[in-house]
Amino acid sequence: MHYDARRNDHGLPHDPFKALVAPRPIGWISTVDAKGQANLAPYSYFNAICDKPHLVMFSSMGRKDTLSNIEATGAFVCNLATYALREAVNMTSAPAPHGVSEFELAGLVPAPSVAVAPPRVAQAPVALECELVRVLPLTDAAGAPARYTAAIGEVVHIHIDDAIIRDGIVDLAAAGAIARCGYRQYAHVDSLFEMKRPDYRS
C-alpha cells in the first residue's frame, strides 16, 4: 500500500506512522518547577541527536508540565526506561494534576542529581542530566504551527549502574531497556548482535 501522508488517507483503523518509525527510545524525563516540585513523564518522541557535544531532544504535544518546568529552570534529566520499571514508566504517563508527584504515584525514589536541580529516578540504571539548549516550536514544511514543541538539552553529567557495564561497555540487554513501537506495543531489549562497518575500497 501507499498513501498521501498529508491527507493521511491510509484507510487503516489507526494511523500507522508511529509504528513505522520504531522502535524509539523512551525519554523518561524528570523536571522540577520553579518551586522545586518534581515531575516525571515518559515521551516516545525522544533520541540522542549529537555526540560532540552530547545532545538529546524530545518533543511534547501541548504545554505540559515537563516543558513548562524546563523553560522555568533550564534543566531536565533523562532516565532509562527498563522492562523491570515498565509499570512505573506507564504509571507516570497518567495525566496527574500539577503538584502531584509522579515519583510517589509510581512508587519511585527521587535521587539527587549532581549538576542540575531535577532529581533522577534512583531505580533507573542510567540517567542523563541535561541543561536546556533550545526550545523549538515545530512546524510543517509550509511553516504552519504543529501541536508539538521540541526541547534540546546538552548532557552535562551521566550516571551508569556499574552492574550493566560488561567488559568495558554498557550492556543494554542487561539493563533491560524498553522502547516504544506503535499503538500500545513496546519492545524489550533482551539480546544484542554486532556488525562491524565495512571498509570501502575502490
C-alpha atoms as a PDB file:
ATOM      1  CA  MET A   1       0.000   0.000   0.000  1.00  0.00           C
ATOM      2  CA  HIS A   2       0.913   3.644  -0.235  1.00  0.00           C
ATOM      3  CA  TYR A   3      -0.917   6.820   0.648  1.00  0.00           C
ATOM      4  CA  ASP A   4      -0.657  10.605   0.881  1.00  0.00           C
ATOM      5  CA  ALA A   5       0.823  11.343   4.314  1.00  0.00           C
ATOM      6  CA  ARG A   6      -0.673  14.825   4.467  1.00  0.00           C
ATOM      7  CA  ARG A   7      -4.187  13.595   3.766  1.00  0.00           C
ATOM      8  CA  ASN A   8      -3.446  10.556   5.943  1.00  0.00           C
ATOM      9  CA  ASP A   9      -5.802   8.538   3.750  1.00  0.00           C
ATOM     10  CA  HIS A  10      -4.366   5.127   4.644  1.00  0.00           C
ATOM     11  CA  GLY A  11      -7.769   3.581   5.310  1.00  0.00           C
ATOM     12  CA  LEU A  12      -6.498   1.675   8.355  1.00  0.00           C
ATOM     13  CA  PRO A  13      -8.193   1.727  11.780  1.00  0.00           C
ATOM     14  CA  HIS A  14      -5.208   3.583  13.303  1.00  0.00           C
ATOM     15  CA  ASP A  15      -2.510   5.875  11.922  1.00  0.00           C
ATOM     16  CA  PRO A  16       0.487   3.585  11.227  1.00  0.00           C
ATOM     17  CA  PHE A  17       3.121   6.357  11.348  1.00  0.00           C
ATOM     18  CA  LYS A  18       4.283   5.723  14.913  1.00  0.00           C
ATOM     19  CA  ALA A  19       4.668   2.012  14.160  1.00  0.00           C
ATOM     20  CA  LEU A  20       6.788   2.743  11.098  1.00  0.00           C
ATOM     21  CA  VAL A  21       9.430   4.850  12.865  1.00  0.00           C
ATOM     22  CA  ALA A  22      10.166   2.305  15.582  1.00  0.00           C
ATOM     23  CA  PRO A  23      11.361   1.175  17.990  1.00  0.00           C
ATOM     24  CA  ARG A  24      12.009   4.548  19.582  1.00  0.00           C
ATOM     25  CA  PRO A  25      13.812   5.054  22.900  1.00  0.00           C
ATOM     26  CA  ILE A  26      11.618   6.437  25.644  1.00  0.00           C
ATOM     27  CA  GLY A  27      12.605   9.758  27.164  1.00  0.00           C
ATOM     28  CA  TRP A  28      11.615   9.334  30.818  1.00  0.00           C
ATOM     29  CA  ILE A  29      12.016  12.981  31.726  1.00  0.00           C
ATOM     30  CA  SER A  30      12.246  14.316  35.271  1.00  0.00           C
ATOM     31  CA  THR A  31      11.981  18.044  35.978  1.00  0.00           C
ATOM     32  CA  VAL A  32      11.181  20.467  38.767  1.00  0.00           C
ATOM     33  CA  ASP A  33       9.064  23.590  38.661  1.00  0.00           C
ATOM     34  CA  ALA A  34      10.137  26.992  39.960  1.00  0.00           C
ATOM     35  CA  LYS A  35       9.117  25.924  43.488  1.00  0.00           C
ATOM     36  CA  GLY A  36      11.172  22.739  43.334  1.00  0.00           C
ATOM     37  CA  GLN A  37       8.230  20.336  42.925  1.00  0.00           C
ATOM     38  CA  ALA A  38       9.273  17.262  40.940  1.00  0.00           C
ATOM     39  CA  ASN A  39       7.569  15.949  37.808  1.00  0.00           C
ATOM     40  CA  LEU A  40       8.239  12.750  35.863  1.00  0.00           C
ATOM     41  CA  ALA A  41       6.785  11.758  32.492  1.00  0.00           C
ATOM     42  CA  PRO A  42       7.651   9.465  29.544  1.00  0.00           C
ATOM     43  CA  TYR A  43       7.994  10.771  25.980  1.00  0.00           C
ATOM     44  CA  SER A  44       8.086   8.490  22.956  1.00  0.00           C
ATOM     45  CA  TYR A  45       9.484  11.149  20.621  1.00  0.00           C
ATOM     46  CA  PHE A  46      12.981  11.141  22.084  1.00  0.00           C
ATOM     47  CA  ASN A  47      16.525  10.456  20.933  1.00  0.00           C
ATOM     48  CA  ALA A  48      20.184  11.425  21.019  1.00  0.00           C
ATOM     49  CA  ILE A  49      20.990  13.777  18.153  1.00  0.00           C
ATOM     50  CA  CYS A  50      24.694  14.602  18.605  1.00  0.00           C
ATOM     51  CA  ASP A  51      27.725  13.287  20.484  1.00  0.00           C
ATOM     52  CA  LYS A  52      30.049  16.333  20.434  1.00  0.00           C
ATOM     53  CA  PRO A  53      28.543  17.888  22.459  1.00  0.00           C
ATOM     54  CA  HIS A  54      26.217  15.216  23.850  1.00  0.00           C
ATOM     55  CA  LEU A  55      22.758  16.435  22.816  1.00  0.00           C
ATOM     56  CA  VAL A  56      19.367  14.835  23.310  1.00  0.00           C
ATOM     57  CA  MET A  57      15.923  16.009  22.303  1.00  0.00           C
ATOM     58  CA  PHE A  58      12.289  15.173  22.930  1.00  0.00           C
ATOM     59  CA  SER A  59       9.043  16.680  21.756  1.00  0.00           C
ATOM     60  CA  SER A  60       5.883  17.325  23.714  1.00  0.00           C
ATOM     61  CA  MET A  61       2.353  17.733  22.426  1.00  0.00           C
ATOM     62  CA  GLY A  62       0.836  20.805  24.070  1.00  0.00           C
ATOM     63  CA  ARG A  63       2.007  22.775  27.088  1.00  0.00           C
ATOM     64  CA  LYS A  64       2.633  20.006  29.596  1.00  0.00           C
ATOM     65  CA  ASP A  65       4.314  20.438  32.985  1.00  0.00           C
ATOM     66  CA  THR A  66       7.568  18.946  31.685  1.00  0.00           C
ATOM     67  CA  LEU A  67       8.084  21.616  29.061  1.00  0.00           C
ATOM     68  CA  SER A  68       6.959  24.451  31.344  1.00  0.00           C
ATOM     69  CA  ASN A  69       9.330  23.253  34.060  1.00  0.00           C
ATOM     70  CA  ILE A  70      12.258  23.055  31.653  1.00  0.00           C
ATOM     71  CA  GLU A  71      11.611  26.575  30.412  1.00  0.00           C
ATOM     72  CA  ALA A  72      11.403  27.823  34.011  1.00  0.00           C
ATOM     73  CA  THR A  73      14.537  26.095  35.315  1.00  0.00           C
ATOM     74  CA  GLY A  74      16.656  25.312  32.231  1.00  0.00           C
ATOM     75  CA  ALA A  75      17.274  21.676  33.141  1.00  0.00           C
ATOM     76  CA  PHE A  76      15.942  18.133  32.949  1.00  0.00           C
ATOM     77  CA  VAL A  77      17.053  14.520  33.448  1.00  0.00           C
ATOM     78  CA  CYS A  78      16.551  11.612  31.023  1.00  0.00           C
ATOM     79  CA  ASN A  79      16.129   8.334  32.918  1.00  0.00           C
ATOM     80  CA  LEU A  80      16.450   4.963  31.172  1.00  0.00           C
ATOM     81  CA  ALA A  81      13.098   3.190  30.896  1.00  0.00           C
ATOM     82  CA  THR A  82      13.532  -0.540  31.522  1.00  0.00           C
ATOM     83  CA  TYR A  83      11.446  -3.694  31.479  1.00  0.00           C
ATOM     84  CA  ALA A  84      11.714  -4.000  35.268  1.00  0.00           C
ATOM     85  CA  LEU A  85      10.317  -0.469  35.594  1.00  0.00           C
ATOM     86  CA  ARG A  86       7.740  -0.740  32.789  1.00  0.00           C
ATOM     87  CA  GLU A  87       4.697  -0.432  35.069  1.00  0.00           C
ATOM     88  CA  ALA A  88       6.188   2.608  36.778  1.00  0.00           C
ATOM     89  CA  VAL A  89       7.002   4.179  33.408  1.00  0.00           C
ATOM     90  CA  ASN A  90       3.410   3.619  32.328  1.00  0.00           C
ATOM     91  CA  MET A  91       2.039   4.985  35.602  1.00  0.00           C
ATOM     92  CA  THR A  92       3.969   8.236  35.142  1.00  0.00           C
ATOM     93  CA  SER A  93       2.140   8.793  31.847  1.00  0.00           C
ATOM     94  CA  ALA A  94      -1.106   9.341  33.756  1.00  0.00           C
ATOM     95  CA  PRO A  95      -2.474  12.902  33.388  1.00  0.00           C
ATOM     96  CA  ALA A  96      -1.964  13.807  37.042  1.00  0.00           C
ATOM     97  CA  PRO A  97      -2.732  17.413  38.034  1.00  0.00           C
ATOM     98  CA  HIS A  98       0.077  19.883  38.621  1.00  0.00           C
ATOM     99  CA  GLY A  99       1.658  19.417  42.029  1.00  0.00           C
ATOM    100  CA  VAL A 100       1.053  15.664  42.192  1.00  0.00           C
ATOM    101  CA  SER A 101       4.375  13.799  42.381  1.00  0.00           C
ATOM    102  CA  GLU A 102       4.633  11.087  39.750  1.00  0.00           C
ATOM    103  CA  PHE A 103       7.545   9.700  41.760  1.00  0.00           C
ATOM    104  CA  GLU A 104       5.151   8.957  44.636  1.00  0.00           C
ATOM    105  CA  LEU A 105       2.365   7.883  42.294  1.00  0.00           C
ATOM    106  CA  ALA A 106       4.596   5.218  40.723  1.00  0.00           C
ATOM    107  CA  GLY A 107       6.448   4.196  43.896  1.00  0.00           C
ATOM    108  CA  LEU A 108       9.763   5.595  42.686  1.00  0.00           C
ATOM    109  CA  VAL A 109      12.604   7.111  44.676  1.00  0.00           C
ATOM    110  CA  PRO A 110      13.979  10.507  43.583  1.00  0.00           C
ATOM    111  CA  ALA A 111      17.765  10.682  43.869  1.00  0.00           C
ATOM    112  CA  PRO A 112      19.692  13.968  43.890  1.00  0.00           C
ATOM    113  CA  SER A 113      21.395  14.925  40.655  1.00  0.00           C
ATOM    114  CA  VAL A 114      24.956  16.237  40.593  1.00  0.00           C
ATOM    115  CA  ALA A 115      24.858  19.113  38.122  1.00  0.00           C
ATOM    116  CA  VAL A 116      21.166  20.050  37.763  1.00  0.00           C
ATOM    117  CA  ALA A 117      18.216  20.681  40.071  1.00  0.00           C
ATOM    118  CA  PRO A 118      15.778  17.963  38.907  1.00  0.00           C
ATOM    119  CA  PRO A 119      16.180  14.582  40.615  1.00  0.00           C
ATOM    120  CA  ARG A 120      16.858  11.365  38.741  1.00  0.00           C
ATOM    121  CA  VAL A 121      14.994   8.085  39.211  1.00  0.00           C
ATOM    122  CA  ALA A 122      17.088   6.135  41.718  1.00  0.00           C
ATOM    123  CA  GLN A 123      15.931   2.754  40.339  1.00  0.00           C
ATOM    124  CA  ALA A 124      16.857   3.608  36.739  1.00  0.00           C
ATOM    125  CA  PRO A 125      20.232   2.145  35.688  1.00  0.00           C
ATOM    126  CA  VAL A 126      21.101   5.183  33.555  1.00  0.00           C
ATOM    127  CA  ALA A 127      20.376   8.880  33.957  1.00  0.00           C
ATOM    128  CA  LEU A 128      21.470  11.800  31.792  1.00  0.00           C
ATOM    129  CA  GLU A 129      21.495  15.198  33.489  1.00  0.00           C
ATOM    130  CA  CYS A 130      20.794  17.903  30.921  1.00  0.00           C
ATOM    131  CA  GLU A 131      20.933  21.670  30.600  1.00  0.00           C
ATOM    132  CA  LEU A 132      18.482  23.254  28.191  1.00  0.00           C
ATOM    133  CA  VAL A 133      19.929  24.333  24.847  1.00  0.00           C
ATOM    134  CA  ARG A 134      16.802  25.365  22.994  1.00  0.00           C
ATOM    135  CA  VAL A 135      13.024  25.093  22.962  1.00  0.00           C
ATOM    136  CA  LEU A 136      11.852  24.793  19.382  1.00  0.00           C
ATOM    137  CA  PRO A 137       8.186  25.113  18.349  1.00  0.00           C
ATOM    138  CA  LEU A 138       7.663  22.686  15.455  1.00  0.00           C
ATOM    139  CA  THR A 139       6.005  23.455  12.110  1.00  0.00           C
ATOM    140  CA  ASP A 140       5.172  21.660   8.904  1.00  0.00           C
ATOM    141  CA  ALA A 141       7.085  22.240   5.655  1.00  0.00           C
ATOM    142  CA  ALA A 142       4.949  25.289   4.867  1.00  0.00           C
ATOM    143  CA  GLY A 143       5.647  26.866   8.258  1.00  0.00           C
ATOM    144  CA  ALA A 144       2.237  26.182   9.802  1.00  0.00           C
ATOM    145  CA  PRO A 145       2.465  25.512  13.554  1.00  0.00           C
ATOM    146  CA  ALA A 146       2.393  21.889  14.720  1.00  0.00           C
ATOM    147  CA  ARG A 147       0.926  20.751  18.019  1.00  0.00           C
ATOM    148  CA  TYR A 148       4.380  19.757  19.242  1.00  0.00           C
ATOM    149  CA  THR A 149       7.321  21.600  20.771  1.00  0.00           C
ATOM    150  CA  ALA A 150      10.824  20.139  20.900  1.00  0.00           C
ATOM    151  CA  ALA A 151      13.318  20.649  23.701  1.00  0.00           C
ATOM    152  CA  ILE A 152      17.024  20.104  23.082  1.00  0.00           C
ATOM    153  CA  GLY A 153      19.373  19.573  26.012  1.00  0.00           C
ATOM    154  CA  GLU A 154      23.099  19.140  26.497  1.00  0.00           C
ATOM    155  CA  VAL A 155      24.035  16.179  28.674  1.00  0.00           C
ATOM    156  CA  VAL A 156      26.323  17.537  31.392  1.00  0.00           C
ATOM    157  CA  HIS A 157      26.501  14.594  33.805  1.00  0.00           C
ATOM    158  CA  ILE A 158      25.889  10.853  33.341  1.00  0.00           C
ATOM    159  CA  HIS A 159      25.010   8.107  35.836  1.00  0.00           C
ATOM    160  CA  ILE A 160      25.518   4.423  34.883  1.00  0.00           C
ATOM    161  CA  ASP A 161      24.880   1.497  37.211  1.00  0.00           C
ATOM    162  CA  ASP A 162      28.136  -0.481  37.388  1.00  0.00           C
ATOM    163  CA  ALA A 163      26.088  -3.703  37.141  1.00  0.00           C
ATOM    164  CA  ILE A 164      25.325  -3.079  33.454  1.00  0.00           C
ATOM    165  CA  ILE A 165      28.935  -2.422  32.447  1.00  0.00           C
ATOM    166  CA  ARG A 166      30.367  -5.630  30.990  1.00  0.00           C
ATOM    167  CA  ASP A 167      33.928  -5.826  29.616  1.00  0.00           C
ATOM    168  CA  GLY A 168      34.112  -2.060  29.429  1.00  0.00           C
ATOM    169  CA  ILE A 169      30.875  -1.480  27.506  1.00  0.00           C
ATOM    170  CA  VAL A 170      27.298  -0.757  28.545  1.00  0.00           C
ATOM    171  CA  ASP A 171      25.138  -3.868  28.155  1.00  0.00           C
ATOM    172  CA  LEU A 172      21.637  -2.655  27.245  1.00  0.00           C
ATOM    173  CA  ALA A 173      20.335  -6.213  27.334  1.00  0.00           C
ATOM    174  CA  ALA A 174      21.451  -6.436  30.962  1.00  0.00           C
ATOM    175  CA  ALA A 175      19.767  -3.091  31.592  1.00  0.00           C
ATOM    176  CA  GLY A 176      16.560  -4.383  30.007  1.00  0.00           C
ATOM    177  CA  ALA A 177      15.883  -1.187  28.079  1.00  0.00           C
ATOM    178  CA  ILE A 178      12.423  -0.826  26.563  1.00  0.00           C
ATOM    179  CA  ALA A 179      11.347   1.172  23.526  1.00  0.00           C
ATOM    180  CA  ARG A 180       8.096   2.473  22.107  1.00  0.00           C
ATOM    181  CA  CYS A 181       6.742   0.868  18.973  1.00  0.00           C
ATOM    182  CA  GLY A 182       3.282   1.651  17.613  1.00  0.00           C
ATOM    183  CA  TYR A 183      -0.202   1.508  19.071  1.00  0.00           C
ATOM    184  CA  ARG A 184       0.090   0.017  22.601  1.00  0.00           C
ATOM    185  CA  GLN A 185       3.167  -2.008  21.715  1.00  0.00           C
ATOM    186  CA  TYR A 186       6.644  -1.833  23.211  1.00  0.00           C
ATOM    187  CA  ALA A 187       9.948  -3.570  22.527  1.00  0.00           C
ATOM    188  CA  HIS A 188      12.246  -5.112  25.141  1.00  0.00           C
ATOM    189  CA  VAL A 189      15.993  -5.205  24.510  1.00  0.00           C
ATOM    190  CA  ASP A 190      16.957  -8.667  25.738  1.00  0.00           C
ATOM    191  CA  SER A 191      19.546  -9.660  23.149  1.00  0.00           C
ATOM    192  CA  LEU A 192      22.137  -7.877  21.033  1.00  0.00           C
ATOM    193  CA  PHE A 193      24.207  -8.629  17.934  1.00  0.00           C
ATOM    194  CA  GLU A 194      27.279  -6.961  16.457  1.00  0.00           C
ATOM    195  CA  MET A 195      28.216  -5.876  12.950  1.00  0.00           C
ATOM    196  CA  LYS A 196      31.427  -4.134  12.008  1.00  0.00           C
ATOM    197  CA  ARG A 197      31.271  -1.307   9.490  1.00  0.00           C
ATOM    198  CA  PRO A 198      32.808  -2.478   6.220  1.00  0.00           C
ATOM    199  CA  ASP A 199      35.925  -0.898   4.740  1.00  0.00           C
ATOM    200  CA  TYR A 200      35.388   0.703   1.335  1.00  0.00           C
ATOM    201  CA  ARG A 201      37.974   0.047  -1.301  1.00  0.00           C
ATOM    202  CA  SER A 202      37.536   1.347  -4.852  1.00  0.00           C
END
